[in-house]
Structures are given as structure tokens and as C-alpha cells.
Amino acid sequence: MTTTSPGPLNEACRCPRARHRHGTRACYVADKCRCAACTRANRRGAKLREYARTHGAPPPLVDAKPARDHCLDLMAAGMGCKTVAREAGLSKGVIQRLIWGNPDRGPSKRITRAHSDAILATGLRVTGRYRVDALGTIRRLQALSAAGWRHETMAGWLAMSPKNFARLICGRQGHVAAWRARRAAALYEQHWRGPAGHPGPTARAAREGWAPPLAWDDDTIDDPDARPAGARRPGERRDMHAYADLLDIGCTADEIAAHLGVSQMRARNTIQTRTRRAA
């Protein structure tokens, strides 16, 4: 029985990815070499594929789209390319070629069955190291700023430098570490009422018109389609409770207006209405 084994390097090979050897199907296909050894290797490969097809053996290469879509889903959920490769037990280059391709060709159309199975078996592994969408974190930090918390204080809470915190709270950062997003959510729940004394919104929050905490619904603050609520009617039950709480603390009408995100005139009218009802 005659076997085909790789021979010497093909000196005419111009492939940017690998140096092909004579006596291989890769040299026959990529370098278009038609020497006897390469022709035998190509013919042998064709016979093996035909044998596998007629005898029901699974093809060595499969459609790359399911694996590529799964990789994109994992990355959209916060896993990086390197992490996906590590969890699948593959090299980073395999994942990169699958998703983005090479400069001389597009994304892989077919991949080996083993690679496909390994990628599809990879589940989502989101821990504190991974990055998630920053929208909800940005909204919470902006609301805390509108409630009166200084940026230097919040940067310290999140272990961030003032420069990096400024990029985050101003919306110039699309993703944030998962642990930091969870930390921001916990701080928002704890400090949404603002610092002691209720000094009113920070200068940046007032200038940018950032929505205060009471303008956001806790169930939709992470929803990209959600919008902060506008000024509520003075007679609305939730607003009246908020006015009562802030008045008990000792806030002035102007401080209440800043904290609730309403005009100063509306705040004064609401306070007068509440006073008349209590009389």
C-alpha cells in the first residue's frame, strides 16, 4: 500500500499563514502545486471524504455559523475572546479567525467538528473579572450625583481614579467590570437619599440635567429603552411621601426641588398645598 507523507517545504509557497510542504493537500489547494506528491495527497483526501460520505461517517468539517453565533452571544454577555478560548480549551487564534477572520480572508466558513463541539459546550462564566454593559451603572451614579454625592466620594467607593470615574459617569465608557457594576447597584440602594444635610445636586449634575433617584424605576433602570420620569403631579401619593420625608429632614423648598428633579415653583406650590391640607 502506498502512503503519502509530507515532503520538503515548497519554496514557491506564498501563504501568509503557514509554509506548506510538498505531498500535502494544503500545498495542492493553497499553492496550486501539481507535483506528483501533492496530486497523490489531494487524490487520497478526496477518496477519504467520499468514503466517509458513503459510509455515514460524520464529516471532519462542519458549518462554522452555530459556533460563531455562540461565541458572539458569550462575548455580548461579558466574556472576552481570550476567556472564551480558554474555557473551550482552544487557542485565541481559533476564536479570532472564527469571528473576524484574517486580513486575507473573512471569518471561517467551516471548522473542525472537535472545535465546534468544544465551543458549543462552553457555557457563560461571568464573574467579577468580566465586563458588562455600563448603562445601568452610569444611570445610578448620575442619579447619586443629582442627589448630592460628590464624585470624589463615589470614586473612592468604586476604587477608581477621579479621571476614570469621570469617564464612566459621563457615559464615555461602554462597559464596566461586573464586580464594579454590582458594587454601584448596592451603593445606589444604600445612598439614594443623598448625603446628610441634602446639599442639592452637584454642579455637574445640575449642568447636565441628570435625573435624580426618584425619577428612575428600580425595575427598569438597566433597560436601554427606559427613560426617567418627569415631574409628577403634586397630588400623587408617592410624591407627597417624598416631600414629607424631605421636609422632616429639614430640607428647604429649593433643596427638595433639586432632589426630586422638579422646578422650584412646583416644589413651593406642593409644600404650600401640603401645609394647607395639614392645617
Protein backbone atom coordinates (compact mmCIF):
# COMPACT_ATOMS: atom_id res chain seq x y z
CA MET A 1 0.00 0.00 0.00
CA THR A 2 1.37 3.39 -0.99
CA THR A 3 1.19 6.19 1.61
CA THR A 4 1.60 9.91 1.13
CA SER A 5 3.80 11.65 3.69
CA PRO A 6 4.81 15.31 3.85
CA GLY A 7 7.92 16.16 1.88
CA PRO A 8 10.22 19.18 1.82
CA LEU A 9 8.98 22.74 2.12
CA ASN A 10 7.51 24.27 -1.01
CA GLU A 11 9.88 27.13 -1.83
CA ALA A 12 7.20 28.75 -4.01
CA CYS A 13 4.71 28.92 -1.11
CA ARG A 14 3.48 32.48 -0.53
CA CYS A 15 0.83 31.68 2.07
CA PRO A 16 0.95 34.30 4.90
CA ARG A 17 -0.33 31.80 7.46
CA ALA A 18 1.97 28.78 7.01
CA ARG A 19 4.76 27.28 4.94
CA HIS A 20 3.27 24.31 3.13
CA ARG A 21 5.13 21.11 2.38
CA HIS A 22 5.06 19.04 -0.76
CA GLY A 23 2.98 15.91 -0.50
CA THR A 24 0.06 17.59 1.30
CA ARG A 25 -3.39 18.57 0.15
CA ALA A 26 -2.83 22.06 1.60
CA CYS A 27 0.04 22.60 -0.79
CA TYR A 28 -2.10 21.31 -3.69
CA VAL A 29 -5.02 23.63 -2.85
CA ALA A 30 -3.38 26.77 -1.45
CA ASP A 31 -0.20 26.87 -3.51
CA LYS A 32 -1.75 25.18 -6.57
CA CYS A 33 1.20 22.82 -6.72
CA ARG A 34 0.62 19.97 -9.18
CA CYS A 35 3.66 17.84 -8.48
CA ALA A 36 3.16 14.08 -8.19
CA ALA A 37 3.33 14.04 -4.37
CA CYS A 38 0.78 16.84 -3.91
CA THR A 39 -1.52 15.32 -6.53
CA ARG A 40 -1.45 11.96 -4.72
CA ALA A 41 -2.21 13.69 -1.39
CA ASN A 42 -5.17 15.54 -2.88
CA ARG A 43 -6.49 12.36 -4.54
CA ARG A 44 -6.16 10.45 -1.28
CA GLY A 45 -8.04 13.18 0.60
CA ALA A 46 -10.87 13.09 -1.94
CA LYS A 47 -11.17 9.31 -1.59
CA LEU A 48 -11.31 9.57 2.20
CA ARG A 49 -14.07 12.18 2.03
CA GLU A 50 -16.06 10.06 -0.41
CA TYR A 51 -15.62 7.00 1.81
CA ALA A 52 -16.85 8.95 4.84
CA ARG A 53 -19.85 10.23 2.88
CA THR A 54 -20.93 6.85 1.55
CA HIS A 55 -20.43 5.01 4.85
CA GLY A 56 -22.23 7.56 7.01
CA ALA A 57 -19.20 8.82 8.90
CA PRO A 58 -19.51 12.39 10.21
CA PRO A 59 -17.70 14.97 8.06
CA PRO A 60 -14.48 16.33 9.57
CA LEU A 61 -15.58 19.93 8.91
CA VAL A 62 -18.92 21.48 9.87
CA ASP A 63 -20.68 24.80 9.35
CA ALA A 64 -18.99 27.48 11.47
CA LYS A 65 -22.07 29.68 11.95
CA PRO A 66 -23.54 27.97 15.07
CA ALA A 67 -20.19 28.13 16.87
CA ARG A 68 -19.61 31.73 15.74
CA ASP A 69 -23.07 32.82 16.93
CA HIS A 70 -22.46 31.12 20.28
CA CYS A 71 -19.14 32.94 20.68
CA LEU A 72 -20.79 36.27 19.91
CA ASP A 73 -23.53 35.56 22.48
CA LEU A 74 -20.91 34.77 25.13
CA MET A 75 -18.96 37.92 24.32
CA ALA A 76 -22.11 40.06 24.38
CA ALA A 77 -22.77 38.71 27.88
CA GLY A 78 -19.37 39.87 29.09
CA MET A 79 -16.82 37.17 28.23
CA GLY A 80 -13.78 38.27 26.29
CA CYS A 81 -12.28 36.47 23.30
CA LYS A 82 -9.39 35.14 25.37
CA THR A 83 -11.76 33.87 28.05
CA VAL A 84 -13.97 32.07 25.53
CA ALA A 85 -10.89 30.39 24.07
CA ARG A 86 -9.63 29.33 27.49
CA GLU A 87 -12.99 27.91 28.57
CA ALA A 88 -13.28 25.98 25.28
CA GLY A 89 -9.73 24.66 25.54
CA LEU A 90 -8.72 26.28 22.24
CA SER A 91 -6.20 28.87 21.17
CA LYS A 92 -7.18 32.51 20.96
CA GLY A 93 -6.32 32.47 17.25
CA VAL A 94 -9.01 29.85 16.54
CA ILE A 95 -11.68 32.09 18.05
CA GLN A 96 -10.35 35.20 16.33
CA ARG A 97 -10.34 33.51 12.91
CA LEU A 98 -13.83 32.15 13.57
CA ILE A 99 -15.28 35.56 14.39
CA TRP A 100 -13.21 38.11 12.47
CA GLY A 101 -11.11 36.10 10.03
CA ASN A 102 -7.70 37.16 8.72
CA PRO A 103 -6.64 40.17 6.66
CA ASP A 104 -6.51 37.98 3.55
CA ARG A 105 -9.83 36.22 4.12
CA GLY A 106 -13.10 36.57 6.01
CA PRO A 107 -14.37 34.62 9.02
CA SER A 108 -14.13 30.83 8.86
CA LYS A 109 -16.96 29.22 6.92
CA ARG A 110 -16.21 25.72 8.22
CA ILE A 111 -14.36 24.48 11.27
CA THR A 112 -13.45 21.06 12.61
CA ARG A 113 -16.16 19.16 14.41
CA ALA A 114 -13.99 18.97 17.52
CA HIS A 115 -13.63 22.77 17.65
CA SER A 116 -17.34 23.28 17.06
CA ASP A 117 -18.30 20.84 19.81
CA ALA A 118 -15.87 22.46 22.25
CA ILE A 119 -17.21 25.96 21.58
CA LEU A 120 -20.88 24.97 21.74
CA ALA A 121 -20.24 23.17 25.05
CA THR A 122 -18.81 26.35 26.59
CA GLY A 123 -21.24 27.97 28.99
CA LEU A 124 -21.39 31.52 30.26
CA ARG A 125 -18.89 32.16 33.02
CA VAL A 126 -19.48 35.68 34.32
CA THR A 127 -17.51 36.57 37.44
CA GLY A 128 -16.23 39.83 38.78
CA ARG A 129 -13.40 39.94 36.25
CA TYR A 130 -15.69 40.17 33.24
CA ARG A 131 -17.10 43.35 31.81
CA VAL A 132 -20.79 44.11 31.40
CA ASP A 133 -22.81 46.91 29.85
CA ALA A 134 -22.28 50.12 31.81
CA LEU A 135 -25.63 51.82 31.15
CA GLY A 136 -27.29 50.90 34.45
CA THR A 137 -24.16 51.80 36.40
CA ILE A 138 -23.91 55.17 34.67
CA ARG A 139 -27.54 55.98 35.42
CA ARG A 140 -27.16 55.07 39.09
CA LEU A 141 -24.02 57.16 39.51
CA GLN A 142 -25.58 60.12 37.74
CA ALA A 143 -28.64 59.82 39.99
CA LEU A 144 -26.43 59.76 43.09
CA SER A 145 -24.66 62.86 41.77
CA ALA A 146 -28.07 64.52 41.33
CA ALA A 147 -28.83 63.54 44.93
CA GLY A 148 -25.76 65.44 46.11
CA TRP A 149 -22.98 62.87 46.39
CA ARG A 150 -19.58 64.25 45.39
CA HIS A 151 -17.75 62.49 42.59
CA GLU A 152 -14.60 62.09 44.67
CA THR A 153 -16.61 60.17 47.28
CA MET A 154 -18.19 57.83 44.73
CA ALA A 155 -14.85 57.25 43.00
CA GLY A 156 -13.45 56.11 46.34
CA TRP A 157 -16.40 53.75 46.83
CA LEU A 158 -15.66 52.09 43.49
CA ALA A 159 -11.85 52.12 43.85
CA MET A 160 -11.48 54.29 40.74
CA SER A 161 -9.23 57.22 39.96
CA PRO A 162 -11.04 60.57 39.52
CA LYS A 163 -10.15 60.56 35.83
CA ASN A 164 -11.55 57.09 35.17
CA PHE A 165 -14.63 57.81 37.27
CA ALA A 166 -15.27 60.98 35.27
CA ARG A 167 -15.16 58.95 32.04
CA LEU A 168 -17.63 56.44 33.48
CA ILE A 169 -20.21 58.81 34.96
CA CYS A 170 -20.19 60.99 31.83
CA GLY A 171 -21.06 57.98 29.66
CA ARG A 172 -17.76 57.77 27.81
CA GLN A 173 -17.23 54.16 28.90
CA GLY A 174 -19.44 51.48 27.37
CA HIS A 175 -18.55 48.60 29.68
CA VAL A 176 -17.61 48.19 33.32
CA ALA A 177 -16.27 45.33 35.42
CA ALA A 178 -19.09 43.10 36.68
CA TRP A 179 -17.98 43.45 40.31
CA ARG A 180 -17.97 47.23 39.99
CA ALA A 181 -21.48 47.22 38.48
CA ARG A 182 -22.74 45.14 41.41
CA ARG A 183 -20.97 47.45 43.85
CA ALA A 184 -22.53 50.54 42.25
CA ALA A 185 -26.00 48.97 42.44
CA ALA A 186 -25.55 48.18 46.15
CA LEU A 187 -24.32 51.71 46.88
CA TYR A 188 -27.26 53.16 44.97
CA GLU A 189 -29.70 51.21 47.15
CA GLN A 190 -27.89 52.39 50.26
CA HIS A 191 -27.28 56.07 49.45
CA TRP A 192 -30.04 57.12 47.02
CA ARG A 193 -31.47 59.60 49.57
CA GLY A 194 -28.30 61.70 49.34
CA PRO A 195 -25.73 62.79 51.92
CA ALA A 196 -26.63 64.26 55.28
CA GLY A 197 -27.87 67.81 55.01
CA HIS A 198 -29.09 67.32 51.44
CA PRO A 199 -26.81 69.89 49.81
CA GLY A 200 -28.58 69.51 46.47
CA PRO A 201 -27.19 68.21 43.18
CA THR A 202 -23.53 68.60 42.32
CA ALA A 203 -22.63 71.33 39.86
CA ARG A 204 -22.05 68.74 37.12
CA ALA A 205 -25.40 67.05 37.73
CA ALA A 206 -27.24 70.38 37.64
CA ARG A 207 -25.43 71.46 34.48
CA GLU A 208 -26.05 68.16 32.67
CA GLY A 209 -29.60 67.74 33.92
CA TRP A 210 -29.03 64.25 35.30
CA ALA A 211 -32.15 62.56 36.64
CA PRO A 212 -32.38 62.09 40.43
CA PRO A 213 -33.03 58.67 42.01
CA LEU A 214 -36.79 59.16 42.35
CA ALA A 215 -37.07 59.71 38.59
CA TRP A 216 -35.94 56.12 37.93
CA ASP A 217 -37.88 52.91 38.36
CA ASP A 218 -35.68 50.31 40.05
CA ASP A 219 -37.07 47.60 37.75
CA THR A 220 -36.20 49.40 34.51
CA ILE A 221 -33.11 51.49 35.29
CA ASP A 222 -30.96 48.96 33.38
CA ASP A 223 -33.31 48.91 30.38
CA PRO A 224 -31.86 50.87 27.41
CA ASP A 225 -35.40 51.85 26.36
CA ALA A 226 -36.37 53.22 29.78
CA ARG A 227 -36.47 56.95 30.39
CA PRO A 228 -36.53 58.87 33.68
CA ALA A 229 -39.94 60.04 34.77
CA GLY A 230 -40.73 63.72 34.54
CA ALA A 231 -42.20 65.83 37.31
CA ARG A 232 -45.11 64.03 38.92
CA ARG A 233 -48.42 65.62 39.83
CA PRO A 234 -48.31 67.30 43.26
CA GLY A 235 -51.17 65.17 44.49
CA GLU A 236 -49.53 61.84 43.60
CA ARG A 237 -49.18 59.70 46.71
CA ARG A 238 -45.53 58.73 46.21
CA ASP A 239 -44.50 62.37 45.69
CA MET A 240 -46.29 63.51 48.81
CA HIS A 241 -44.48 60.90 50.87
CA ALA A 242 -41.16 62.07 49.40
CA TYR A 243 -41.98 65.70 50.21
CA ALA A 244 -42.93 64.72 53.76
CA ASP A 245 -39.68 62.81 54.26
CA LEU A 246 -37.54 65.64 52.96
CA LEU A 247 -39.41 68.28 54.97
CA ASP A 248 -38.97 66.21 58.12
CA ILE A 249 -35.24 66.12 57.44
CA GLY A 250 -35.25 69.91 57.23
CA CYS A 251 -34.71 70.48 53.52
CA THR A 252 -35.67 73.81 52.01
CA ALA A 253 -38.02 74.09 49.03
CA ASP A 254 -35.06 74.65 46.69
CA GLU A 255 -33.23 71.57 48.03
CA ILE A 256 -36.38 69.46 47.63
CA ALA A 257 -36.77 70.67 44.04
CA ALA A 258 -33.19 69.69 43.23
CA HIS A 259 -33.51 66.32 44.95
CA LEU A 260 -36.78 65.35 43.25
CA GLY A 261 -35.93 66.80 39.86
CA VAL A 262 -38.81 69.29 39.76
CA SER A 263 -38.91 73.04 39.34
CA GLN A 264 -38.55 75.27 42.38
CA MET A 265 -42.00 76.75 41.72
CA ARG A 266 -43.60 73.29 41.70
CA ALA A 267 -41.81 72.38 44.91
CA ARG A 268 -43.03 75.53 46.68
CA ASN A 269 -46.61 75.03 45.46
CA THR A 270 -46.59 71.41 46.60
CA ILE A 271 -45.29 72.36 50.03
CA GLN A 272 -47.96 75.05 50.36
CA THR A 273 -50.66 72.56 49.33
CA ARG A 274 -49.42 70.04 51.89
CA THR A 275 -49.34 72.71 54.60
CA ARG A 276 -52.93 73.79 53.85
CA ARG A 277 -54.15 70.19 53.96
CA ALA A 278 -52.42 69.60 57.27
CA ALA A 279 -53.95 72.74 58.82
